[in-house]
Amino acid sequence: MPYMFVSTQIRLENGPTNVGDEFSDPVVMNYLGARKTTMLGNNFSEYHVDDPPRLVLDKLEKIGFRVVSMTGLYLNLYIHI
């Protein structure tokens, strides 16, 4: 089963939303309209979208993903098909 980590900082609840890492499925990332970025000083890439988390979750639900866990300090959702 594919899993995905979706997160944002609560103070940025209107976006951007982190939707994956450099190993995420490129087809799903394209569907979400995500762009792959590497922050200065990091040796890894992440995918980001400008949409708020709620819209990202709505899009993912349409292709079969569901929330399996979340935390409250930051909005971190683990979802899978």
PDB file of N, CA and C in Angstrom:
ATOM      1  N   MET A   1       0.834  -1.196   0.000  1.00  0.00           N
ATOM      2  CA  MET A   1       0.000   0.000   0.000  1.00  0.00           C
ATOM      3  C   MET A   1       0.868   1.244   0.000  1.00  0.00           C
ATOM      4  N   PRO A   2       0.621   2.173  -0.891  1.00  0.00           N
ATOM      5  CA  PRO A   2       1.391   3.420  -0.852  1.00  0.00           C
ATOM      6  C   PRO A   2       0.905   4.335   0.278  1.00  0.00           C
ATOM      7  N   TYR A   3       1.858   4.926   0.978  1.00  0.00           N
ATOM      8  CA  TYR A   3       1.555   5.889   2.028  1.00  0.00           C
ATOM      9  C   TYR A   3       2.069   7.259   1.606  1.00  0.00           C
ATOM     10  N   MET A   4       1.458   8.293   2.145  1.00  0.00           N
ATOM     11  CA  MET A   4       1.887   9.649   1.855  1.00  0.00           C
ATOM     12  C   MET A   4       1.833  10.454   3.141  1.00  0.00           C
ATOM     13  N   PHE A   5       2.779  11.350   3.293  1.00  0.00           N
ATOM     14  CA  PHE A   5       2.842  12.247   4.446  1.00  0.00           C
ATOM     15  C   PHE A   5       2.457  13.640   3.962  1.00  0.00           C
ATOM     16  N   VAL A   6       1.421  14.219   4.557  1.00  0.00           N
ATOM     17  CA  VAL A   6       0.954  15.558   4.208  1.00  0.00           C
ATOM     18  C   VAL A   6       1.129  16.431   5.438  1.00  0.00           C
ATOM     19  N   SER A   7       1.784  17.588   5.291  1.00  0.00           N
ATOM     20  CA  SER A   7       1.970  18.422   6.469  1.00  0.00           C
ATOM     21  C   SER A   7       1.997  19.897   6.103  1.00  0.00           C
ATOM     22  N   THR A   8       1.716  20.707   7.105  1.00  0.00           N
ATOM     23  CA  THR A   8       1.858  22.151   7.016  1.00  0.00           C
ATOM     24  C   THR A   8       1.975  22.672   8.437  1.00  0.00           C
ATOM     25  N   GLN A   9       2.468  23.871   8.578  1.00  0.00           N
ATOM     26  CA  GLN A   9       2.504  24.480   9.892  1.00  0.00           C
ATOM     27  C   GLN A   9       1.156  25.131  10.139  1.00  0.00           C
ATOM     28  N   ILE A  10       0.629  25.012  11.342  1.00  0.00           N
ATOM     29  CA  ILE A  10      -0.692  25.547  11.666  1.00  0.00           C
ATOM     30  C   ILE A  10      -0.788  27.028  11.316  1.00  0.00           C
ATOM     31  N   ARG A  11       0.278  27.767  11.537  1.00  0.00           N
ATOM     32  CA  ARG A  11       0.226  29.199  11.229  1.00  0.00           C
ATOM     33  C   ARG A  11       0.152  29.446   9.726  1.00  0.00           C
ATOM     34  N   LEU A  12       0.396  28.407   8.930  1.00  0.00           N
ATOM     35  CA  LEU A  12       0.307  28.518   7.473  1.00  0.00           C
ATOM     36  C   LEU A  12      -0.821  27.637   6.949  1.00  0.00           C
ATOM     37  N   GLU A  13      -1.935  27.599   7.667  1.00  0.00           N
ATOM     38  CA  GLU A  13      -3.006  26.660   7.342  1.00  0.00           C
ATOM     39  C   GLU A  13      -3.618  26.876   5.964  1.00  0.00           C
ATOM     40  N   ASN A  14      -3.357  28.018   5.336  1.00  0.00           N
ATOM     41  CA  ASN A  14      -3.867  28.252   3.984  1.00  0.00           C
ATOM     42  C   ASN A  14      -2.850  27.862   2.918  1.00  0.00           C
ATOM     43  N   GLY A  15      -1.781  27.213   3.302  1.00  0.00           N
ATOM     44  CA  GLY A  15      -0.768  26.758   2.368  1.00  0.00           C
ATOM     45  C   GLY A  15       0.523  27.503   2.591  1.00  0.00           C
ATOM     46  N   PRO A  16       1.604  27.073   2.034  1.00  0.00           N
ATOM     47  CA  PRO A  16       1.714  25.881   1.195  1.00  0.00           C
ATOM     48  C   PRO A  16       1.627  24.609   2.025  1.00  0.00           C
ATOM     49  N   THR A  17       1.398  23.506   1.337  1.00  0.00           N
ATOM     50  CA  THR A  17       1.277  22.207   1.980  1.00  0.00           C
ATOM     51  C   THR A  17       2.366  21.290   1.435  1.00  0.00           C
ATOM     52  N   ASN A  18       3.080  20.631   2.330  1.00  0.00           N
ATOM     53  CA  ASN A  18       4.080  19.639   1.931  1.00  0.00           C
ATOM     54  C   ASN A  18       3.337  18.342   1.634  1.00  0.00           C
ATOM     55  N   VAL A  19       3.584  17.763   0.475  1.00  0.00           N
ATOM     56  CA  VAL A  19       2.827  16.573   0.084  1.00  0.00           C
ATOM     57  C   VAL A  19       3.681  15.355  -0.231  1.00  0.00           C
ATOM     58  N   GLY A  20       4.971  15.462  -0.124  1.00  0.00           N
ATOM     59  CA  GLY A  20       5.783  14.287  -0.404  1.00  0.00           C
ATOM     60  C   GLY A  20       7.267  14.578  -0.402  1.00  0.00           C
ATOM     61  N   ASP A  21       8.033  13.497  -0.495  1.00  0.00           N
ATOM     62  CA  ASP A  21       9.480  13.631  -0.566  1.00  0.00           C
ATOM     63  C   ASP A  21       9.958  13.278  -1.969  1.00  0.00           C
ATOM     64  N   GLU A  22      11.257  13.244  -2.150  1.00  0.00           N
ATOM     65  CA  GLU A  22      11.820  13.034  -3.477  1.00  0.00           C
ATOM     66  C   GLU A  22      11.491  11.662  -4.063  1.00  0.00           C
ATOM     67  N   PHE A  23      11.021  10.733  -3.246  1.00  0.00           N
ATOM     68  CA  PHE A  23      10.698   9.391  -3.711  1.00  0.00           C
ATOM     69  C   PHE A  23       9.199   9.188  -3.935  1.00  0.00           C
ATOM     70  N   SER A  24       8.407  10.237  -3.811  1.00  0.00           N
ATOM     71  CA  SER A  24       6.954  10.142  -3.981  1.00  0.00           C
ATOM     72  C   SER A  24       6.593   9.831  -5.424  1.00  0.00           C
ATOM     73  N   ASP A  25       5.428   9.226  -5.593  1.00  0.00           N
ATOM     74  CA  ASP A  25       4.939   8.843  -6.922  1.00  0.00           C
ATOM     75  C   ASP A  25       4.755  10.089  -7.786  1.00  0.00           C
ATOM     76  N   PRO A  26       5.488  10.205  -8.892  1.00  0.00           N
ATOM     77  CA  PRO A  26       5.381  11.403  -9.734  1.00  0.00           C
ATOM     78  C   PRO A  26       4.001  11.582 -10.364  1.00  0.00           C
ATOM     79  N   VAL A  27       3.276  10.503 -10.573  1.00  0.00           N
ATOM     80  CA  VAL A  27       1.925  10.613 -11.144  1.00  0.00           C
ATOM     81  C   VAL A  27       0.995  11.292 -10.145  1.00  0.00           C
ATOM     82  N   VAL A  28       1.067  10.894  -8.875  1.00  0.00           N
ATOM     83  CA  VAL A  28       0.238  11.513  -7.833  1.00  0.00           C
ATOM     84  C   VAL A  28       0.655  12.971  -7.630  1.00  0.00           C
ATOM     85  N   MET A  29       1.955  13.229  -7.622  1.00  0.00           N
ATOM     86  CA  MET A  29       2.438  14.598  -7.441  1.00  0.00           C
ATOM     87  C   MET A  29       1.957  15.498  -8.589  1.00  0.00           C
ATOM     88  N   ASN A  30       1.968  14.980  -9.804  1.00  0.00           N
ATOM     89  CA  ASN A  30       1.464  15.740 -10.951  1.00  0.00           C
ATOM     90  C   ASN A  30      -0.029  16.001 -10.804  1.00  0.00           C
ATOM     91  N   TYR A  31      -0.782  15.004 -10.364  1.00  0.00           N
ATOM     92  CA  TYR A  31      -2.222  15.158 -10.146  1.00  0.00           C
ATOM     93  C   TYR A  31      -2.511  16.275  -9.135  1.00  0.00           C
ATOM     94  N   LEU A  32      -1.682  16.357  -8.094  1.00  0.00           N
ATOM     95  CA  LEU A  32      -1.871  17.388  -7.066  1.00  0.00           C
ATOM     96  C   LEU A  32      -1.372  18.759  -7.518  1.00  0.00           C
ATOM     97  N   GLY A  33      -0.609  18.792  -8.596  1.00  0.00           N
ATOM     98  CA  GLY A  33      -0.024  20.052  -9.042  1.00  0.00           C
ATOM     99  C   GLY A  33       1.166  20.457  -8.199  1.00  0.00           C
ATOM    100  N   ALA A  34       1.846  19.463  -7.633  1.00  0.00           N
ATOM    101  CA  ALA A  34       2.972  19.722  -6.727  1.00  0.00           C
ATOM    102  C   ALA A  34       4.239  20.038  -7.506  1.00  0.00           C
ATOM    103  N   ARG A  35       5.086  20.834  -6.886  1.00  0.00           N
ATOM    104  CA  ARG A  35       6.386  21.148  -7.466  1.00  0.00           C
ATOM    105  C   ARG A  35       7.469  20.642  -6.514  1.00  0.00           C
ATOM    106  N   LYS A  36       8.509  20.093  -7.109  1.00  0.00           N
ATOM    107  CA  LYS A  36       9.621  19.545  -6.336  1.00  0.00           C
ATOM    108  C   LYS A  36      10.629  20.659  -6.067  1.00  0.00           C
ATOM    109  N   THR A  37      10.980  20.851  -4.806  1.00  0.00           N
ATOM    110  CA  THR A  37      11.921  21.904  -4.434  1.00  0.00           C
ATOM    111  C   THR A  37      12.976  21.349  -3.483  1.00  0.00           C
ATOM    112  N   THR A  38      14.119  21.995  -3.492  1.00  0.00           N
ATOM    113  CA  THR A  38      15.186  21.672  -2.551  1.00  0.00           C
ATOM    114  C   THR A  38      15.571  22.966  -1.845  1.00  0.00           C
ATOM    115  N   MET A  39      15.406  23.002  -0.545  1.00  0.00           N
ATOM    116  CA  MET A  39      15.756  24.179   0.239  1.00  0.00           C
ATOM    117  C   MET A  39      17.270  24.289   0.344  1.00  0.00           C
ATOM    118  N   LEU A  40      17.760  25.508   0.324  1.00  0.00           N
ATOM    119  CA  LEU A  40      19.190  25.760   0.436  1.00  0.00           C
ATOM    120  C   LEU A  40      19.749  25.102   1.695  1.00  0.00           C
ATOM    121  N   GLY A  41      20.788  24.310   1.534  1.00  0.00           N
ATOM    122  CA  GLY A  41      21.419  23.634   2.664  1.00  0.00           C
ATOM    123  C   GLY A  41      20.926  22.213   2.889  1.00  0.00           C
ATOM    124  N   ASN A  42      19.789  21.841   2.276  1.00  0.00           N
ATOM    125  CA  ASN A  42      19.283  20.478   2.420  1.00  0.00           C
ATOM    126  C   ASN A  42      19.842  19.606   1.303  1.00  0.00           C
ATOM    127  N   ASN A  43      20.026  18.337   1.581  1.00  0.00           N
ATOM    128  CA  ASN A  43      20.475  17.410   0.546  1.00  0.00           C
ATOM    129  C   ASN A  43      19.344  16.472   0.117  1.00  0.00           C
ATOM    130  N   PHE A  44      18.103  16.943   0.262  1.00  0.00           N
ATOM    131  CA  PHE A  44      16.928  16.182  -0.146  1.00  0.00           C
ATOM    132  C   PHE A  44      15.904  17.144  -0.735  1.00  0.00           C
ATOM    133  N   SER A  45      14.969  16.604  -1.485  1.00  0.00           N
ATOM    134  CA  SER A  45      13.910  17.404  -2.108  1.00  0.00           C
ATOM    135  C   SER A  45      12.567  17.078  -1.482  1.00  0.00           C
ATOM    136  N   GLU A  46      11.635  18.014  -1.592  1.00  0.00           N
ATOM    137  CA  GLU A  46      10.260  17.823  -1.115  1.00  0.00           C
ATOM    138  C   GLU A  46       9.308  18.359  -2.175  1.00  0.00           C
ATOM    139  N   TYR A  47       8.101  17.846  -2.152  1.00  0.00           N
ATOM    140  CA  TYR A  47       7.048  18.352  -3.034  1.00  0.00           C
ATOM    141  C   TYR A  47       6.133  19.273  -2.233  1.00  0.00           C
ATOM    142  N   HIS A  48       5.748  20.395  -2.844  1.00  0.00           N
ATOM    143  CA  HIS A  48       4.876  21.379  -2.205  1.00  0.00           C
ATOM    144  C   HIS A  48       3.770  21.790  -3.174  1.00  0.00           C
ATOM    145  N   VAL A  49       2.608  22.104  -2.618  1.00  0.00           N
ATOM    146  CA  VAL A  49       1.516  22.715  -3.379  1.00  0.00           C
ATOM    147  C   VAL A  49       1.086  23.979  -2.647  1.00  0.00           C
ATOM    148  N   ASP A  50       0.487  24.909  -3.367  1.00  0.00           N
ATOM    149  CA  ASP A  50       0.017  26.147  -2.743  1.00  0.00           C
ATOM    150  C   ASP A  50      -1.337  25.978  -2.062  1.00  0.00           C
ATOM    151  N   ASP A  51      -2.025  24.865  -2.337  1.00  0.00           N
ATOM    152  CA  ASP A  51      -3.349  24.620  -1.753  1.00  0.00           C
ATOM    153  C   ASP A  51      -3.264  24.367  -0.255  1.00  0.00           C
ATOM    154  N   PRO A  52      -4.327  24.702   0.476  1.00  0.00           N
ATOM    155  CA  PRO A  52      -4.373  24.345   1.898  1.00  0.00           C
ATOM    156  C   PRO A  52      -4.557  22.826   2.049  1.00  0.00           C
ATOM    157  N   PRO A  53      -4.197  22.282   3.209  1.00  0.00           N
ATOM    158  CA  PRO A  53      -4.294  20.830   3.424  1.00  0.00           C
ATOM    159  C   PRO A  53      -5.673  20.251   3.128  1.00  0.00           C
ATOM    160  N   ARG A  54      -6.730  20.969   3.468  1.00  0.00           N
ATOM    161  CA  ARG A  54      -8.077  20.444   3.239  1.00  0.00           C
ATOM    162  C   ARG A  54      -8.329  20.149   1.767  1.00  0.00           C
ATOM    163  N   LEU A  55      -7.887  21.040   0.887  1.00  0.00           N
ATOM    164  CA  LEU A  55      -8.069  20.809  -0.547  1.00  0.00           C
ATOM    165  C   LEU A  55      -7.203  19.654  -1.040  1.00  0.00           C
ATOM    166  N   VAL A  56      -5.997  19.535  -0.488  1.00  0.00           N
ATOM    167  CA  VAL A  56      -5.128  18.412  -0.851  1.00  0.00           C
ATOM    168  C   VAL A  56      -5.794  17.097  -0.454  1.00  0.00           C
ATOM    169  N   LEU A  57      -6.341  17.041   0.755  1.00  0.00           N
ATOM    170  CA  LEU A  57      -7.009  15.817   1.211  1.00  0.00           C
ATOM    171  C   LEU A  57      -8.241  15.506   0.373  1.00  0.00           C
ATOM    172  N   ASP A  58      -8.985  16.520  -0.038  1.00  0.00           N
ATOM    173  CA  ASP A  58     -10.141  16.301  -0.918  1.00  0.00           C
ATOM    174  C   ASP A  58      -9.704  15.671  -2.231  1.00  0.00           C
ATOM    175  N   LYS A  59      -8.612  16.184  -2.808  1.00  0.00           N
ATOM    176  CA  LYS A  59      -8.104  15.634  -4.071  1.00  0.00           C
ATOM    177  C   LYS A  59      -7.640  14.191  -3.894  1.00  0.00           C
ATOM    178  N   LEU A  60      -6.928  13.931  -2.795  1.00  0.00           N
ATOM    179  CA  LEU A  60      -6.426  12.576  -2.558  1.00  0.00           C
ATOM    180  C   LEU A  60      -7.553  11.582  -2.308  1.00  0.00           C
ATOM    181  N   GLU A  61      -8.608  12.026  -1.650  1.00  0.00           N
ATOM    182  CA  GLU A  61      -9.752  11.138  -1.410  1.00  0.00           C
ATOM    183  C   GLU A  61     -10.370  10.683  -2.729  1.00  0.00           C
ATOM    184  N   LYS A  62     -10.390  11.566  -3.709  1.00  0.00           N
ATOM    185  CA  LYS A  62     -10.972  11.232  -5.010  1.00  0.00           C
ATOM    186  C   LYS A  62     -10.214  10.124  -5.733  1.00  0.00           C
ATOM    187  N   ILE A  63      -8.949   9.929  -5.379  1.00  0.00           N
ATOM    188  CA  ILE A  63      -8.194   8.855  -6.025  1.00  0.00           C
ATOM    189  C   ILE A  63      -7.926   7.687  -5.065  1.00  0.00           C
ATOM    190  N   GLY A  64      -8.676   7.626  -3.962  1.00  0.00           N
ATOM    191  CA  GLY A  64      -8.663   6.446  -3.107  1.00  0.00           C
ATOM    192  C   GLY A  64      -7.861   6.523  -1.825  1.00  0.00           C
ATOM    193  N   PHE A  65      -7.199   7.639  -1.552  1.00  0.00           N
ATOM    194  CA  PHE A  65      -6.453   7.758  -0.297  1.00  0.00           C
ATOM    195  C   PHE A  65      -7.405   8.043   0.858  1.00  0.00           C
ATOM    196  N   ARG A  66      -6.992   7.663   2.065  1.00  0.00           N
ATOM    197  CA  ARG A  66      -7.758   7.987   3.266  1.00  0.00           C
ATOM    198  C   ARG A  66      -6.793   8.279   4.406  1.00  0.00           C
ATOM    199  N   VAL A  67      -7.230   9.086   5.359  1.00  0.00           N
ATOM    200  CA  VAL A  67      -6.401   9.442   6.516  1.00  0.00           C
ATOM    201  C   VAL A  67      -6.341   8.253   7.461  1.00  0.00           C
ATOM    202  N   VAL A  68      -5.131   7.907   7.907  1.00  0.00           N
ATOM    203  CA  VAL A  68      -4.984   6.832   8.882  1.00  0.00           C
ATOM    204  C   VAL A  68      -4.442   7.331  10.217  1.00  0.00           C
ATOM    205  N   SER A  69      -3.845   8.532  10.244  1.00  0.00           N
ATOM    206  CA  SER A  69      -3.303   9.068  11.484  1.00  0.00           C
ATOM    207  C   SER A  69      -3.046  10.554  11.324  1.00  0.00           C
ATOM    208  N   MET A  70      -3.094  11.287  12.442  1.00  0.00           N
ATOM    209  CA  MET A  70      -2.719  12.701  12.411  1.00  0.00           C
ATOM    210  C   MET A  70      -2.243  13.136  13.779  1.00  0.00           C
ATOM    211  N   THR A  71      -1.480  14.235  13.807  1.00  0.00           N
ATOM    212  CA  THR A  71      -1.009  14.809  15.063  1.00  0.00           C
ATOM    213  C   THR A  71      -1.489  16.247  15.148  1.00  0.00           C
ATOM    214  N   GLY A  72      -1.335  16.866  16.305  1.00  0.00           N
ATOM    215  CA  GLY A  72      -1.887  18.196  16.497  1.00  0.00           C
ATOM    216  C   GLY A  72      -0.901  19.338  16.592  1.00  0.00           C
ATOM    217  N   LEU A  73       0.374  19.060  16.838  1.00  0.00           N
ATOM    218  CA  LEU A  73       1.330  20.146  16.953  1.00  0.00           C
ATOM    219  C   LEU A  73       1.458  20.885  15.623  1.00  0.00           C
ATOM    220  N   TYR A  74       1.673  20.147  14.593  1.00  0.00           N
ATOM    221  CA  TYR A  74       1.584  20.623  13.222  1.00  0.00           C
ATOM    222  C   TYR A  74       0.571  19.717  12.555  1.00  0.00           C
ATOM    223  N   LEU A  75       0.047  20.121  11.454  1.00  0.00           N
ATOM    224  CA  LEU A  75      -0.882  19.249  10.735  1.00  0.00           C
ATOM    225  C   LEU A  75      -0.059  18.239   9.972  1.00  0.00           C
ATOM    226  N   ASN A  76       0.041  17.040  10.512  1.00  0.00           N
ATOM    227  CA  ASN A  76       0.779  15.945   9.874  1.00  0.00           C
ATOM    228  C   ASN A  76      -0.203  14.810   9.677  1.00  0.00           C
ATOM    229  N   LEU A  77      -0.430  14.442   8.465  1.00  0.00           N
ATOM    230  CA  LEU A  77      -1.375  13.371   8.158  1.00  0.00           C
ATOM    231  C   LEU A  77      -0.683  12.247   7.419  1.00  0.00           C
ATOM    232  N   TYR A  78      -0.894  11.038   7.885  1.00  0.00           N
ATOM    233  CA  TYR A  78      -0.393   9.867   7.186  1.00  0.00           C
ATOM    234  C   TYR A  78      -1.593   9.252   6.495  1.00  0.00           C
ATOM    235  N   ILE A  79      -1.513   9.149   5.195  1.00  0.00           N
ATOM    236  CA  ILE A  79      -2.653   8.643   4.454  1.00  0.00           C
ATOM    237  C   ILE A  79      -2.199   7.530   3.513  1.00  0.00           C
ATOM    238  N   HIS A  80      -3.103   6.650   3.166  1.00  0.00           N
ATOM    239  CA  HIS A  80      -2.753   5.593   2.234  1.00  0.00           C
ATOM    240  C   HIS A  80      -3.960   5.181   1.430  1.00  0.00           C
ATOM    241  N   ILE A  81      -3.670   4.436   0.364  1.00  0.00           N
ATOM    242  CA  ILE A  81      -4.746   3.900  -0.478  1.00  0.00           C
ATOM    243  C   ILE A  81      -5.183   2.586   0.126  1.00  0.00           C
TER     244      ILE A  81
END
